[in-house]
Amino acid sequence: MTIKEVAQLTGLSHQAIYKRLKAHGVKLETLKDKTTGQLTSEGEAAILALFNISDNGPTADEKPEEKTQPDPQKNEVAELRNQVEKLQAEVAQLRNQVASLESERDYLRLSLEREQQLHGLTISKLPTPPPALPPAPQERGKIRAWWHRIRGKD
């Protein structure tokens, strides 16, 4: 499908098609195949959704008189509906991510509790530490007396 065919389906000129694509921020280069110049299947679907037409021509809810002058409000409504559907899909995806993160958090919490229990058991099985060294005397005279006692001198 080409832009000319889209223009015939909508009853607009090809320049109006280009202007409307530009107004909606759609770049035509992303919709066309670079070698043939034809619209890609994704590009065709995007344009058909933008102009609210089916593959067979205008949708059943459009009247032939409206074909020559499409109602911009209907296009906006269709575009907003598409955006709502996309956002709902994103919300569902985010909810799935939150659920997986919550399950991962619960798993990590359980692992931490088990590790702490194991650590406590390991600490309880360790032998008691050796008795502490006697406190060092603070005064010089006490140090000298202690030294003489050890050496056996009085």
C-alpha atoms as a PDB file:
ATOM      1  CA  MET A   1       0.000   0.000   0.000  1.00  0.00           C
ATOM      2  CA  THR A   2       1.209   3.494  -0.808  1.00  0.00           C
ATOM      3  CA  ILE A   3       0.313   6.948   0.466  1.00  0.00           C
ATOM      4  CA  LYS A   4      -1.598   7.510  -2.767  1.00  0.00           C
ATOM      5  CA  GLU A   5      -3.778   4.474  -2.035  1.00  0.00           C
ATOM      6  CA  VAL A   6      -4.354   5.708   1.531  1.00  0.00           C
ATOM      7  CA  ALA A   7      -5.367   9.078   0.101  1.00  0.00           C
ATOM      8  CA  GLN A   8      -7.879   7.374  -2.206  1.00  0.00           C
ATOM      9  CA  LEU A   9      -9.307   5.345   0.681  1.00  0.00           C
ATOM     10  CA  THR A  10      -9.759   8.396   2.894  1.00  0.00           C
ATOM     11  CA  GLY A  11     -10.789  10.811   0.162  1.00  0.00           C
ATOM     12  CA  LEU A  12      -7.974  13.182   1.082  1.00  0.00           C
ATOM     13  CA  SER A  13      -5.064  14.404  -0.971  1.00  0.00           C
ATOM     14  CA  HIS A  14      -1.660  12.855  -0.426  1.00  0.00           C
ATOM     15  CA  GLN A  15      -0.458  16.209   0.914  1.00  0.00           C
ATOM     16  CA  ALA A  16      -3.223  16.120   3.545  1.00  0.00           C
ATOM     17  CA  ILE A  17      -2.075  12.625   4.506  1.00  0.00           C
ATOM     18  CA  TYR A  18       1.501  13.844   4.961  1.00  0.00           C
ATOM     19  CA  LYS A  19       0.350  16.851   6.985  1.00  0.00           C
ATOM     20  CA  ARG A  20      -1.812  14.723   9.258  1.00  0.00           C
ATOM     21  CA  LEU A  21       1.050  12.269   9.839  1.00  0.00           C
ATOM     22  CA  LYS A  22       3.323  15.172  10.705  1.00  0.00           C
ATOM     23  CA  ALA A  23       0.706  16.678  13.025  1.00  0.00           C
ATOM     24  CA  HIS A  24       0.490  13.392  14.935  1.00  0.00           C
ATOM     25  CA  GLY A  25       4.284  13.163  15.158  1.00  0.00           C
ATOM     26  CA  VAL A  26       4.551  10.102  12.917  1.00  0.00           C
ATOM     27  CA  LYS A  27       7.690   9.946  10.783  1.00  0.00           C
ATOM     28  CA  LEU A  28       6.991   8.483   7.370  1.00  0.00           C
ATOM     29  CA  GLU A  29      10.519   7.028   7.112  1.00  0.00           C
ATOM     30  CA  THR A  30       9.686   4.619   9.914  1.00  0.00           C
ATOM     31  CA  LEU A  31       6.548   3.421   8.123  1.00  0.00           C
ATOM     32  CA  LYS A  32       8.005   2.806   4.654  1.00  0.00           C
ATOM     33  CA  ASP A  33      10.236   0.086   3.295  1.00  0.00           C
ATOM     34  CA  LYS A  34      13.429   1.804   2.118  1.00  0.00           C
ATOM     35  CA  THR A  35      13.937  -0.377  -0.955  1.00  0.00           C
ATOM     36  CA  THR A  36      10.418  -0.470  -2.427  1.00  0.00           C
ATOM     37  CA  GLY A  37       8.905   2.723  -1.033  1.00  0.00           C
ATOM     38  CA  GLN A  38       5.809   0.753  -0.004  1.00  0.00           C
ATOM     39  CA  LEU A  39       4.400   0.929   3.488  1.00  0.00           C
ATOM     40  CA  THR A  40       5.491  -1.867   5.792  1.00  0.00           C
ATOM     41  CA  SER A  41       2.824  -3.962   7.484  1.00  0.00           C
ATOM     42  CA  GLU A  42       3.402  -2.068  10.751  1.00  0.00           C
ATOM     43  CA  GLY A  43       3.277   1.252   8.921  1.00  0.00           C
ATOM     44  CA  GLU A  44       0.116   0.269   7.118  1.00  0.00           C
ATOM     45  CA  ALA A  45      -1.516  -0.765  10.388  1.00  0.00           C
ATOM     46  CA  ALA A  46      -0.483   2.523  12.026  1.00  0.00           C
ATOM     47  CA  ILE A  47      -1.877   4.613   9.181  1.00  0.00           C
ATOM     48  CA  LEU A  48      -5.091   2.590   9.038  1.00  0.00           C
ATOM     49  CA  ALA A  49      -5.537   3.066  12.781  1.00  0.00           C
ATOM     50  CA  LEU A  50      -4.712   6.779  12.543  1.00  0.00           C
ATOM     51  CA  PHE A  51      -7.318   7.386   9.836  1.00  0.00           C
ATOM     52  CA  ASN A  52      -9.796   4.878  11.319  1.00  0.00           C
ATOM     53  CA  ILE A  53     -10.152   2.822   8.142  1.00  0.00           C
ATOM     54  CA  SER A  54     -10.176  -0.912   7.596  1.00  0.00           C
ATOM     55  CA  ASP A  55      -8.348  -2.851   4.903  1.00  0.00           C
ATOM     56  CA  ASN A  56     -11.547  -2.866   2.790  1.00  0.00           C
ATOM     57  CA  GLY A  57     -12.037   0.892   2.924  1.00  0.00           C
ATOM     58  CA  PRO A  58     -13.627   3.227   5.417  1.00  0.00           C
ATOM     59  CA  THR A  59     -15.168   1.612   8.466  1.00  0.00           C
ATOM     60  CA  ALA A  60     -18.872   0.844   8.529  1.00  0.00           C
ATOM     61  CA  ASP A  61     -19.589   3.632  11.005  1.00  0.00           C
ATOM     62  CA  GLU A  62     -18.355   6.258   8.536  1.00  0.00           C
ATOM     63  CA  LYS A  63     -20.854   7.603   6.055  1.00  0.00           C
ATOM     64  CA  PRO A  64     -19.845   8.244   2.429  1.00  0.00           C
ATOM     65  CA  GLU A  65     -20.258  12.014   2.950  1.00  0.00           C
ATOM     66  CA  GLU A  66     -17.808  11.857   5.839  1.00  0.00           C
ATOM     67  CA  LYS A  67     -15.324  10.120   3.574  1.00  0.00           C
ATOM     68  CA  THR A  68     -14.451  13.376   1.872  1.00  0.00           C
ATOM     69  CA  GLN A  69     -14.251  15.296   5.147  1.00  0.00           C
ATOM     70  CA  PRO A  70     -13.338  13.013   8.044  1.00  0.00           C
ATOM     71  CA  ASP A  71     -14.383  14.117  11.488  1.00  0.00           C
ATOM     72  CA  PRO A  72     -11.238  15.055  13.447  1.00  0.00           C
ATOM     73  CA  GLN A  73     -12.997  14.277  16.729  1.00  0.00           C
ATOM     74  CA  LYS A  74     -13.572  10.659  15.671  1.00  0.00           C
ATOM     75  CA  ASN A  75      -9.903  10.360  14.786  1.00  0.00           C
ATOM     76  CA  GLU A  76      -8.925  11.815  18.133  1.00  0.00           C
ATOM     77  CA  VAL A  77     -11.302   9.477  19.950  1.00  0.00           C
ATOM     78  CA  ALA A  78      -9.865   6.483  18.101  1.00  0.00           C
ATOM     79  CA  GLU A  79      -6.340   7.647  18.843  1.00  0.00           C
ATOM     80  CA  LEU A  80      -7.181   8.161  22.516  1.00  0.00           C
ATOM     81  CA  ARG A  81      -8.727   4.696  22.678  1.00  0.00           C
ATOM     82  CA  ASN A  82      -5.554   3.236  21.204  1.00  0.00           C
ATOM     83  CA  GLN A  83      -3.503   5.109  23.784  1.00  0.00           C
ATOM     84  CA  VAL A  84      -5.762   3.840  26.587  1.00  0.00           C
ATOM     85  CA  GLU A  85      -5.329   0.253  25.358  1.00  0.00           C
ATOM     86  CA  LYS A  86      -1.553   0.687  25.230  1.00  0.00           C
ATOM     87  CA  LEU A  87      -1.502   2.178  28.719  1.00  0.00           C
ATOM     88  CA  GLN A  88      -3.673  -0.634  30.057  1.00  0.00           C
ATOM     89  CA  ALA A  89      -1.241  -3.149  28.579  1.00  0.00           C
ATOM     90  CA  GLU A  90       1.648  -1.298  30.240  1.00  0.00           C
ATOM     91  CA  VAL A  91      -0.201  -1.304  33.577  1.00  0.00           C
ATOM     92  CA  ALA A  92      -0.761  -5.063  33.306  1.00  0.00           C
ATOM     93  CA  GLN A  93       2.925  -5.547  32.510  1.00  0.00           C
ATOM     94  CA  LEU A  94       3.953  -3.397  35.483  1.00  0.00           C
ATOM     95  CA  ARG A  95       1.626  -5.338  37.767  1.00  0.00           C
ATOM     96  CA  ASN A  96       3.288  -8.566  36.629  1.00  0.00           C
ATOM     97  CA  GLN A  97       6.697  -7.052  37.357  1.00  0.00           C
ATOM     98  CA  VAL A  98       5.560  -5.962  40.818  1.00  0.00           C
ATOM     99  CA  ALA A  99       4.237  -9.451  41.547  1.00  0.00           C
ATOM    100  CA  SER A 100       7.524 -11.041  40.484  1.00  0.00           C
ATOM    101  CA  LEU A 101       9.494  -8.539  42.575  1.00  0.00           C
ATOM    102  CA  GLU A 102       7.310  -9.265  45.585  1.00  0.00           C
ATOM    103  CA  SER A 103       7.889 -13.006  45.230  1.00  0.00           C
ATOM    104  CA  GLU A 104      11.629 -12.391  44.878  1.00  0.00           C
ATOM    105  CA  ARG A 105      11.547 -10.204  48.006  1.00  0.00           C
ATOM    106  CA  ASP A 106       9.743 -12.933  49.946  1.00  0.00           C
ATOM    107  CA  TYR A 107      12.299 -15.504  48.788  1.00  0.00           C
ATOM    108  CA  LEU A 108      15.189 -13.268  49.839  1.00  0.00           C
ATOM    109  CA  ARG A 109      13.559 -12.586  53.223  1.00  0.00           C
ATOM    110  CA  LEU A 110      13.168 -16.329  53.835  1.00  0.00           C
ATOM    111  CA  SER A 111      16.778 -16.941  52.774  1.00  0.00           C
ATOM    112  CA  LEU A 112      17.990 -14.246  55.145  1.00  0.00           C
ATOM    113  CA  GLU A 113      16.018 -15.707  58.059  1.00  0.00           C
ATOM    114  CA  ARG A 114      17.473 -19.169  57.378  1.00  0.00           C
ATOM    115  CA  GLU A 115      20.992 -17.742  57.132  1.00  0.00           C
ATOM    116  CA  GLN A 116      20.554 -15.970  60.468  1.00  0.00           C
ATOM    117  CA  GLN A 117      19.334 -19.178  62.091  1.00  0.00           C
ATOM    118  CA  LEU A 118      22.314 -21.064  60.704  1.00  0.00           C
ATOM    119  CA  HIS A 119      24.666 -18.349  61.919  1.00  0.00           C
ATOM    120  CA  GLY A 120      23.132 -18.512  65.398  1.00  0.00           C
ATOM    121  CA  LEU A 121      23.564 -22.292  65.525  1.00  0.00           C
ATOM    122  CA  THR A 122      27.169 -21.991  64.385  1.00  0.00           C
ATOM    123  CA  ILE A 123      27.945 -19.385  67.048  1.00  0.00           C
ATOM    124  CA  SER A 124      26.365 -21.549  69.761  1.00  0.00           C
ATOM    125  CA  LYS A 125      28.559 -24.523  68.805  1.00  0.00           C
ATOM    126  CA  LEU A 126      31.844 -22.594  68.916  1.00  0.00           C
ATOM    127  CA  PRO A 127      34.026 -23.260  71.991  1.00  0.00           C
ATOM    128  CA  THR A 128      34.138 -20.557  74.607  1.00  0.00           C
ATOM    129  CA  PRO A 129      37.002 -18.119  74.176  1.00  0.00           C
ATOM    130  CA  PRO A 130      40.074 -18.498  76.393  1.00  0.00           C
ATOM    131  CA  PRO A 131      40.099 -16.475  79.579  1.00  0.00           C
ATOM    132  CA  ALA A 132      41.225 -12.929  79.189  1.00  0.00           C
ATOM    133  CA  LEU A 133      44.738 -11.918  80.151  1.00  0.00           C
ATOM    134  CA  PRO A 134      45.106 -10.391  83.579  1.00  0.00           C
ATOM    135  CA  PRO A 135      44.635  -6.676  83.552  1.00  0.00           C
ATOM    136  CA  ALA A 136      47.833  -4.748  83.151  1.00  0.00           C
ATOM    137  CA  PRO A 137      48.883  -2.762  86.223  1.00  0.00           C
ATOM    138  CA  GLN A 138      48.444   0.946  85.765  1.00  0.00           C
ATOM    139  CA  GLU A 139      51.056   2.311  88.095  1.00  0.00           C
ATOM    140  CA  ARG A 140      54.816   2.011  87.651  1.00  0.00           C
ATOM    141  CA  GLY A 141      55.370   0.445  91.050  1.00  0.00           C
ATOM    142  CA  LYS A 142      52.851  -2.277  90.407  1.00  0.00           C
ATOM    143  CA  ILE A 143      54.497  -3.121  87.087  1.00  0.00           C
ATOM    144  CA  ARG A 144      57.905  -3.405  88.757  1.00  0.00           C
ATOM    145  CA  ALA A 145      56.507  -5.613  91.551  1.00  0.00           C
ATOM    146  CA  TRP A 146      54.844  -7.837  89.053  1.00  0.00           C
ATOM    147  CA  TRP A 147      58.076  -8.135  87.046  1.00  0.00           C
ATOM    148  CA  HIS A 148      60.049  -9.122  90.134  1.00  0.00           C
ATOM    149  CA  ARG A 149      57.512 -11.734  91.105  1.00  0.00           C
ATOM    150  CA  ILE A 150      57.736 -13.338  87.704  1.00  0.00           C
ATOM    151  CA  ARG A 151      61.524 -13.305  87.625  1.00  0.00           C
ATOM    152  CA  GLY A 152      61.705 -14.674  91.116  1.00  0.00           C
ATOM    153  CA  LYS A 153      63.444 -11.677  92.626  1.00  0.00           C
ATOM    154  CA  ASP A 154      62.275  -9.862  95.685  1.00  0.00           C
END
